[in-house]
């Protein structure tokens, strides 16, 4: 089973993304509502992929990616945004 962490500050996006990804029963999703929480989770767990909102408060998606890459984390990351 693949494990994916989804990071978004919008609870509705987290719910929909989790439902879509878990539909095949081959992906386990860990929803996380902030970049700071995601950094804490990554200290204790690893994932096959991270799906990350670009427009997060405090630490945006690009800065988050820089932080984890700086720590040597090479987990594949997909950054998305709803901003036009």
PDB file of N, CA and C in Angstrom:
ATOM      1  N   UNK A   1       0.842  -1.174   0.000  1.00  0.00           N
ATOM      2  CA  UNK A   1       0.000   0.000   0.000  1.00  0.00           C
ATOM      3  C   UNK A   1       0.894   1.246   0.000  1.00  0.00           C
ATOM      4  N   UNK A   2       0.542   2.222  -0.824  1.00  0.00           N
ATOM      5  CA  UNK A   2       1.262   3.488  -0.868  1.00  0.00           C
ATOM      6  C   UNK A   2       0.749   4.420   0.219  1.00  0.00           C
ATOM      7  N   UNK A   3       1.649   5.194   0.789  1.00  0.00           N
ATOM      8  CA  UNK A   3       1.240   6.170   1.792  1.00  0.00           C
ATOM      9  C   UNK A   3       1.496   7.578   1.259  1.00  0.00           C
ATOM     10  N   UNK A   4       0.484   8.432   1.398  1.00  0.00           N
ATOM     11  CA  UNK A   4       0.559   9.797   0.891  1.00  0.00           C
ATOM     12  C   UNK A   4       0.130  10.758   1.988  1.00  0.00           C
ATOM     13  N   UNK A   5       0.925  11.805   2.187  1.00  0.00           N
ATOM     14  CA  UNK A   5       0.518  12.879   3.081  1.00  0.00           C
ATOM     15  C   UNK A   5      -0.042  13.998   2.218  1.00  0.00           C
ATOM     16  N   UNK A   6      -1.239  14.471   2.555  1.00  0.00           N
ATOM     17  CA  UNK A   6      -1.870  15.576   1.843  1.00  0.00           C
ATOM     18  C   UNK A   6      -1.917  16.766   2.788  1.00  0.00           C
ATOM     19  N   UNK A   7      -1.358  17.905   2.335  1.00  0.00           N
ATOM     20  CA  UNK A   7      -1.264  19.094   3.179  1.00  0.00           C
ATOM     21  C   UNK A   7      -2.067  20.224   2.552  1.00  0.00           C
ATOM     22  N   UNK A   8      -3.106  20.665   3.248  1.00  0.00           N
ATOM     23  CA  UNK A   8      -3.935  21.776   2.783  1.00  0.00           C
ATOM     24  C   UNK A   8      -4.643  22.381   3.983  1.00  0.00           C
ATOM     25  N   UNK A   9      -4.816  23.687   3.987  1.00  0.00           N
ATOM     26  CA  UNK A   9      -5.491  24.350   5.107  1.00  0.00           C
ATOM     27  C   UNK A   9      -7.005  24.377   4.946  1.00  0.00           C
ATOM     28  N   UNK A  10      -7.509  23.876   3.830  1.00  0.00           N
ATOM     29  CA  UNK A  10      -8.952  23.831   3.586  1.00  0.00           C
ATOM     30  C   UNK A  10      -9.461  22.415   3.892  1.00  0.00           C
ATOM     31  N   UNK A  11     -10.266  22.244   4.950  1.00  0.00           N
ATOM     32  CA  UNK A  11     -10.741  20.907   5.319  1.00  0.00           C
ATOM     33  C   UNK A  11     -11.521  20.209   4.204  1.00  0.00           C
ATOM     34  N   UNK A  12     -12.265  20.958   3.408  1.00  0.00           N
ATOM     35  CA  UNK A  12     -13.029  20.344   2.320  1.00  0.00           C
ATOM     36  C   UNK A  12     -12.095  19.735   1.268  1.00  0.00           C
ATOM     37  N   UNK A  13     -11.006  20.425   0.948  1.00  0.00           N
ATOM     38  CA  UNK A  13     -10.028  19.900  -0.010  1.00  0.00           C
ATOM     39  C   UNK A  13      -9.371  18.643   0.555  1.00  0.00           C
ATOM     40  N   UNK A  14      -9.046  18.663   1.844  1.00  0.00           N
ATOM     41  CA  UNK A  14      -8.456  17.476   2.466  1.00  0.00           C
ATOM     42  C   UNK A  14      -9.398  16.285   2.361  1.00  0.00           C
ATOM     43  N   UNK A  15     -10.667  16.497   2.659  1.00  0.00           N
ATOM     44  CA  UNK A  15     -11.641  15.404   2.617  1.00  0.00           C
ATOM     45  C   UNK A  15     -11.807  14.839   1.209  1.00  0.00           C
ATOM     46  N   UNK A  16     -11.970  15.713   0.235  1.00  0.00           N
ATOM     47  CA  UNK A  16     -12.181  15.262  -1.144  1.00  0.00           C
ATOM     48  C   UNK A  16     -10.943  14.540  -1.674  1.00  0.00           C
ATOM     49  N   UNK A  17      -9.780  15.103  -1.421  1.00  0.00           N
ATOM     50  CA  UNK A  17      -8.540  14.481  -1.891  1.00  0.00           C
ATOM     51  C   UNK A  17      -8.351  13.110  -1.260  1.00  0.00           C
ATOM     52  N   UNK A  18      -8.620  13.013   0.029  1.00  0.00           N
ATOM     53  CA  UNK A  18      -8.505  11.720   0.708  1.00  0.00           C
ATOM     54  C   UNK A  18      -9.465  10.694   0.110  1.00  0.00           C
ATOM     55  N   UNK A  19     -10.711  11.098  -0.103  1.00  0.00           N
ATOM     56  CA  UNK A  19     -11.703  10.183  -0.681  1.00  0.00           C
ATOM     57  C   UNK A  19     -11.293   9.690  -2.064  1.00  0.00           C
ATOM     58  N   UNK A  20     -10.806  10.591  -2.904  1.00  0.00           N
ATOM     59  CA  UNK A  20     -10.404  10.211  -4.261  1.00  0.00           C
ATOM     60  C   UNK A  20      -9.198   9.276  -4.230  1.00  0.00           C
ATOM     61  N   UNK A  21      -8.191   9.626  -3.441  1.00  0.00           N
ATOM     62  CA  UNK A  21      -6.982   8.808  -3.413  1.00  0.00           C
ATOM     63  C   UNK A  21      -7.215   7.440  -2.769  1.00  0.00           C
ATOM     64  N   UNK A  22      -8.072   7.372  -1.775  1.00  0.00           N
ATOM     65  CA  UNK A  22      -8.304   6.095  -1.090  1.00  0.00           C
ATOM     66  C   UNK A  22      -9.327   5.211  -1.801  1.00  0.00           C
ATOM     67  N   UNK A  23      -9.919   5.709  -2.858  1.00  0.00           N
ATOM     68  CA  UNK A  23     -10.950   4.952  -3.568  1.00  0.00           C
ATOM     69  C   UNK A  23     -10.440   3.600  -4.079  1.00  0.00           C
ATOM     70  N   UNK A  24      -9.196   3.553  -4.523  1.00  0.00           N
ATOM     71  CA  UNK A  24      -8.649   2.317  -5.088  1.00  0.00           C
ATOM     72  C   UNK A  24      -8.248   1.306  -4.012  1.00  0.00           C
ATOM     73  N   UNK A  25      -8.239   1.714  -2.771  1.00  0.00           N
ATOM     74  CA  UNK A  25      -7.822   0.880  -1.638  1.00  0.00           C
ATOM     75  C   UNK A  25      -6.348   0.484  -1.728  1.00  0.00           C
ATOM     76  N   UNK A  26      -5.582   1.197  -2.549  1.00  0.00           N
ATOM     77  CA  UNK A  26      -4.147   0.942  -2.674  1.00  0.00           C
ATOM     78  C   UNK A  26      -3.319   2.101  -2.128  1.00  0.00           C
ATOM     79  N   UNK A  27      -4.007   3.154  -1.655  1.00  0.00           N
ATOM     80  CA  UNK A  27      -3.329   4.336  -1.130  1.00  0.00           C
ATOM     81  C   UNK A  27      -3.891   4.666   0.241  1.00  0.00           C
ATOM     82  N   UNK A  28      -2.995   4.884   1.172  1.00  0.00           N
ATOM     83  CA  UNK A  28      -3.360   5.329   2.515  1.00  0.00           C
ATOM     84  C   UNK A  28      -3.019   6.815   2.611  1.00  0.00           C
ATOM     85  N   UNK A  29      -3.964   7.634   3.062  1.00  0.00           N
ATOM     86  CA  UNK A  29      -3.774   9.089   3.086  1.00  0.00           C
ATOM     87  C   UNK A  29      -3.702   9.588   4.519  1.00  0.00           C
ATOM     88  N   UNK A  30      -2.715  10.446   4.767  1.00  0.00           N
ATOM     89  CA  UNK A  30      -2.605  11.151   6.043  1.00  0.00           C
ATOM     90  C   UNK A  30      -2.897  12.625   5.772  1.00  0.00           C
ATOM     91  N   UNK A  31      -4.109  13.108   6.085  1.00  0.00           N
ATOM     92  CA  UNK A  31      -4.416  14.522   5.882  1.00  0.00           C
ATOM     93  C   UNK A  31      -3.787  15.389   6.975  1.00  0.00           C
ATOM     94  N   UNK A  32      -3.220  16.512   6.568  1.00  0.00           N
ATOM     95  CA  UNK A  32      -2.565  17.435   7.498  1.00  0.00           C
ATOM     96  C   UNK A  32      -2.989  18.846   7.124  1.00  0.00           C
ATOM     97  N   UNK A  33      -3.337  19.676   8.114  1.00  0.00           N
ATOM     98  CA  UNK A  33      -3.936  20.977   7.826  1.00  0.00           C
ATOM     99  C   UNK A  33      -2.973  22.165   7.837  1.00  0.00           C
ATOM    100  N   UNK A  34      -1.681  21.928   8.108  1.00  0.00           N
ATOM    101  CA  UNK A  34      -0.731  23.048   8.075  1.00  0.00           C
ATOM    102  C   UNK A  34       0.665  22.542   7.737  1.00  0.00           C
ATOM    103  N   UNK A  35       1.485  23.444   7.221  1.00  0.00           N
ATOM    104  CA  UNK A  35       2.850  23.068   6.880  1.00  0.00           C
ATOM    105  C   UNK A  35       3.664  22.764   8.134  1.00  0.00           C
ATOM    106  N   UNK A  36       3.421  23.486   9.207  1.00  0.00           N
ATOM    107  CA  UNK A  36       4.146  23.216  10.462  1.00  0.00           C
ATOM    108  C   UNK A  36       3.804  21.820  11.002  1.00  0.00           C
ATOM    109  N   UNK A  37       2.522  21.482  10.970  1.00  0.00           N
ATOM    110  CA  UNK A  37       2.111  20.145  11.399  1.00  0.00           C
ATOM    111  C   UNK A  37       2.745  19.089  10.497  1.00  0.00           C
ATOM    112  N   UNK A  38       2.798  19.355   9.199  1.00  0.00           N
ATOM    113  CA  UNK A  38       3.396  18.409   8.257  1.00  0.00           C
ATOM    114  C   UNK A  38       4.874  18.179   8.570  1.00  0.00           C
ATOM    115  N   UNK A  39       5.591  19.239   8.916  1.00  0.00           N
ATOM    116  CA  UNK A  39       7.001  19.085   9.282  1.00  0.00           C
ATOM    117  C   UNK A  39       7.147  18.229  10.537  1.00  0.00           C
ATOM    118  N   UNK A  40       6.250  18.394  11.498  1.00  0.00           N
ATOM    119  CA  UNK A  40       6.261  17.558  12.703  1.00  0.00           C
ATOM    120  C   UNK A  40       5.989  16.094  12.360  1.00  0.00           C
ATOM    121  N   UNK A  41       5.005  15.862  11.497  1.00  0.00           N
ATOM    122  CA  UNK A  41       4.656  14.499  11.099  1.00  0.00           C
ATOM    123  C   UNK A  41       5.841  13.833  10.403  1.00  0.00           C
ATOM    124  N   UNK A  42       6.548  14.582   9.565  1.00  0.00           N
ATOM    125  CA  UNK A  42       7.683  14.022   8.830  1.00  0.00           C
ATOM    126  C   UNK A  42       8.850  13.643   9.740  1.00  0.00           C
ATOM    127  N   UNK A  43       8.908  14.183  10.944  1.00  0.00           N
ATOM    128  CA  UNK A  43       9.949  13.784  11.884  1.00  0.00           C
ATOM    129  C   UNK A  43       9.707  12.382  12.425  1.00  0.00           C
ATOM    130  N   UNK A  44       8.439  11.932  12.372  1.00  0.00           N
ATOM    131  CA  UNK A  44       8.075  10.637  12.939  1.00  0.00           C
ATOM    132  C   UNK A  44       7.695   9.599  11.893  1.00  0.00           C
ATOM    133  N   UNK A  45       7.318  10.053  10.685  1.00  0.00           N
ATOM    134  CA  UNK A  45       6.801   9.145   9.661  1.00  0.00           C
ATOM    135  C   UNK A  45       7.397   9.488   8.307  1.00  0.00           C
ATOM    136  N   UNK A  46       7.389   8.498   7.427  1.00  0.00           N
ATOM    137  CA  UNK A  46       7.796   8.752   6.048  1.00  0.00           C
ATOM    138  C   UNK A  46       6.638   8.368   5.128  1.00  0.00           C
ATOM    139  N   UNK A  47       6.663   8.921   3.923  1.00  0.00           N
ATOM    140  CA  UNK A  47       5.576   8.711   2.969  1.00  0.00           C
ATOM    141  C   UNK A  47       6.155   8.422   1.588  1.00  0.00           C
ATOM    142  N   UNK A  48       5.349   7.786   0.768  1.00  0.00           N
ATOM    143  CA  UNK A  48       5.753   7.529  -0.619  1.00  0.00           C
ATOM    144  C   UNK A  48       5.625   8.785  -1.465  1.00  0.00           C
ATOM    145  N   UNK A  49       4.742   9.699  -1.067  1.00  0.00           N
ATOM    146  CA  UNK A  49       4.552  10.958  -1.787  1.00  0.00           C
ATOM    147  C   UNK A  49       3.876  11.966  -0.871  1.00  0.00           C
ATOM    148  N   UNK A  50       4.049  13.242  -1.233  1.00  0.00           N
ATOM    149  CA  UNK A  50       3.396  14.336  -0.520  1.00  0.00           C
ATOM    150  C   UNK A  50       2.641  15.175  -1.541  1.00  0.00           C
ATOM    151  N   UNK A  51       1.364  15.422  -1.276  1.00  0.00           N
ATOM    152  CA  UNK A  51       0.555  16.326  -2.095  1.00  0.00           C
ATOM    153  C   UNK A  51       0.373  17.581  -1.254  1.00  0.00           C
ATOM    154  N   UNK A  52       0.771  18.729  -1.820  1.00  0.00           N
ATOM    155  CA  UNK A  52       0.963  19.926  -1.021  1.00  0.00           C
ATOM    156  C   UNK A  52       0.341  21.144  -1.688  1.00  0.00           C
ATOM    157  N   UNK A  53      -0.452  21.876  -0.938  1.00  0.00           N
ATOM    158  CA  UNK A  53      -1.012  23.138  -1.431  1.00  0.00           C
ATOM    159  C   UNK A  53       0.103  24.178  -1.489  1.00  0.00           C
ATOM    160  N   UNK A  54       0.134  24.955  -2.554  1.00  0.00           N
ATOM    161  CA  UNK A  54       1.125  26.026  -2.679  1.00  0.00           C
ATOM    162  C   UNK A  54       0.835  27.166  -1.705  1.00  0.00           C
ATOM    163  N   UNK A  55      -0.448  27.525  -1.581  1.00  0.00           N
ATOM    164  CA  UNK A  55      -0.844  28.728  -0.844  1.00  0.00           C
ATOM    165  C   UNK A  55      -1.225  28.408   0.597  1.00  0.00           C
ATOM    166  N   UNK A  56      -0.236  28.003   1.391  1.00  0.00           N
ATOM    167  CA  UNK A  56      -0.454  27.715   2.805  1.00  0.00           C
ATOM    168  C   UNK A  56      -0.026  28.906   3.650  1.00  0.00           C
ATOM    169  N   UNK A  57      -0.728  29.175   4.756  1.00  0.00           N
ATOM    170  CA  UNK A  57      -0.269  30.241   5.651  1.00  0.00           C
ATOM    171  C   UNK A  57       1.031  29.821   6.345  1.00  0.00           C
ATOM    172  N   UNK A  58       1.762  30.774   6.839  1.00  0.00           N
ATOM    173  CA  UNK A  58       3.024  30.587   7.559  1.00  0.00           C
ATOM    174  C   UNK A  58       4.157  30.134   6.646  1.00  0.00           C
ATOM    175  N   UNK A  59       4.089  28.911   6.132  1.00  0.00           N
ATOM    176  CA  UNK A  59       5.132  28.377   5.251  1.00  0.00           C
ATOM    177  C   UNK A  59       4.447  27.904   3.976  1.00  0.00           C
ATOM    178  N   UNK A  60       4.695  28.590   2.841  1.00  0.00           N
ATOM    179  CA  UNK A  60       4.023  28.175   1.607  1.00  0.00           C
ATOM    180  C   UNK A  60       4.655  26.895   1.060  1.00  0.00           C
ATOM    181  N   UNK A  61       4.039  26.355   0.026  1.00  0.00           N
ATOM    182  CA  UNK A  61       4.469  25.073  -0.533  1.00  0.00           C
ATOM    183  C   UNK A  61       5.918  25.049  -0.993  1.00  0.00           C
ATOM    184  N   UNK A  62       6.376  26.106  -1.636  1.00  0.00           N
ATOM    185  CA  UNK A  62       7.755  26.165  -2.122  1.00  0.00           C
ATOM    186  C   UNK A  62       8.732  26.200  -0.945  1.00  0.00           C
ATOM    187  N   UNK A  63       8.438  27.011   0.057  1.00  0.00           N
ATOM    188  CA  UNK A  63       9.307  27.070   1.234  1.00  0.00           C
ATOM    189  C   UNK A  63       9.328  25.733   1.973  1.00  0.00           C
ATOM    190  N   UNK A  64       8.165  25.084   2.071  1.00  0.00           N
ATOM    191  CA  UNK A  64       8.083  23.763   2.685  1.00  0.00           C
ATOM    192  C   UNK A  64       8.996  22.784   1.948  1.00  0.00           C
ATOM    193  N   UNK A  65       8.914  22.803   0.630  1.00  0.00           N
ATOM    194  CA  UNK A  65       9.748  21.923  -0.184  1.00  0.00           C
ATOM    195  C   UNK A  65      11.235  22.204   0.046  1.00  0.00           C
ATOM    196  N   UNK A  66      11.605  23.469   0.114  1.00  0.00           N
ATOM    197  CA  UNK A  66      13.004  23.823   0.389  1.00  0.00           C
ATOM    198  C   UNK A  66      13.461  23.293   1.748  1.00  0.00           C
ATOM    199  N   UNK A  67      12.585  23.390   2.742  1.00  0.00           N
ATOM    200  CA  UNK A  67      12.934  22.915   4.093  1.00  0.00           C
ATOM    201  C   UNK A  67      13.182  21.414   4.083  1.00  0.00           C
ATOM    202  N   UNK A  68      12.262  20.642   3.501  1.00  0.00           N
ATOM    203  CA  UNK A  68      12.442  19.185   3.554  1.00  0.00           C
ATOM    204  C   UNK A  68      13.605  18.731   2.679  1.00  0.00           C
ATOM    205  N   UNK A  69      13.826  19.403   1.555  1.00  0.00           N
ATOM    206  CA  UNK A  69      14.981  19.047   0.717  1.00  0.00           C
ATOM    207  C   UNK A  69      16.285  19.378   1.437  1.00  0.00           C
ATOM    208  N   UNK A  70      16.285  20.473   2.178  1.00  0.00           N
ATOM    209  CA  UNK A  70      17.449  20.853   2.969  1.00  0.00           C
ATOM    210  C   UNK A  70      17.787  19.834   4.041  1.00  0.00           C
ATOM    211  N   UNK A  71      16.785  19.077   4.469  1.00  0.00           N
ATOM    212  CA  UNK A  71      16.993  18.018   5.466  1.00  0.00           C
ATOM    213  C   UNK A  71      17.321  16.684   4.813  1.00  0.00           C
ATOM    214  N   UNK A  72      17.413  16.675   3.480  1.00  0.00           N
ATOM    215  CA  UNK A  72      17.757  15.447   2.776  1.00  0.00           C
ATOM    216  C   UNK A  72      16.575  14.576   2.398  1.00  0.00           C
ATOM    217  N   UNK A  73      15.362  15.043   2.628  1.00  0.00           N
ATOM    218  CA  UNK A  73      14.158  14.277   2.287  1.00  0.00           C
ATOM    219  C   UNK A  73      13.918  14.361   0.789  1.00  0.00           C
ATOM    220  N   UNK A  74      13.918  13.220   0.116  1.00  0.00           N
ATOM    221  CA  UNK A  74      13.733  13.181  -1.342  1.00  0.00           C
ATOM    222  C   UNK A  74      12.366  12.614  -1.743  1.00  0.00           C
ATOM    223  N   UNK A  75      11.424  12.626  -0.809  1.00  0.00           N
ATOM    224  CA  UNK A  75      10.067  12.161  -1.105  1.00  0.00           C
ATOM    225  C   UNK A  75       9.501  12.960  -2.287  1.00  0.00           C
ATOM    226  N   UNK A  76       8.894  12.272  -3.275  1.00  0.00           N
ATOM    227  CA  UNK A  76       8.260  13.012  -4.380  1.00  0.00           C
ATOM    228  C   UNK A  76       7.156  13.925  -3.850  1.00  0.00           C
ATOM    229  N   UNK A  77       7.113  15.159  -4.363  1.00  0.00           N
ATOM    230  CA  UNK A  77       6.139  16.153  -3.924  1.00  0.00           C
ATOM    231  C   UNK A  77       5.378  16.685  -5.118  1.00  0.00           C
ATOM    232  N   UNK A  78       4.058  16.731  -4.989  1.00  0.00           N
ATOM    233  CA  UNK A  78       3.190  17.362  -5.979  1.00  0.00           C
ATOM    234  C   UNK A  78       2.634  18.614  -5.324  1.00  0.00           C
ATOM    235  N   UNK A  79       2.910  19.769  -5.935  1.00  0.00           N
ATOM    236  CA  UNK A  79       2.398  21.039  -5.413  1.00  0.00           C
ATOM    237  C   UNK A  79       1.249  21.484  -6.302  1.00  0.00           C
ATOM    238  N   UNK A  80       0.135  21.854  -5.686  1.00  0.00           N
ATOM    239  CA  UNK A  80      -1.016  22.325  -6.445  1.00  0.00           C
ATOM    240  C   UNK A  80      -1.519  23.627  -5.836  1.00  0.00           C
ATOM    241  N   UNK A  81      -2.364  24.329  -6.583  1.00  0.00           N
ATOM    242  CA  UNK A  81      -2.962  25.551  -6.056  1.00  0.00           C
ATOM    243  C   UNK A  81      -4.315  25.785  -6.691  1.00  0.00           C
ATOM    244  N   UNK A  82      -5.169  26.440  -5.954  1.00  0.00           N
ATOM    245  CA  UNK A  82      -6.458  26.869  -6.481  1.00  0.00           C
ATOM    246  C   UNK A  82      -6.430  28.342  -6.838  1.00  0.00           C
ATOM    247  N   UNK A  83      -5.272  28.982  -6.636  1.00  0.00           N
ATOM    248  CA  UNK A  83      -5.133  30.404  -6.946  1.00  0.00           C
ATOM    249  C   UNK A  83      -4.942  30.571  -8.445  1.00  0.00           C
ATOM    250  N   UNK A  84      -5.711  31.507  -9.037  1.00  0.00           N
ATOM    251  CA  UNK A  84      -5.676  31.719 -10.484  1.00  0.00           C
ATOM    252  C   UNK A  84      -4.406  32.362 -10.981  1.00  0.00           C
TER     253      UNK A  84
END
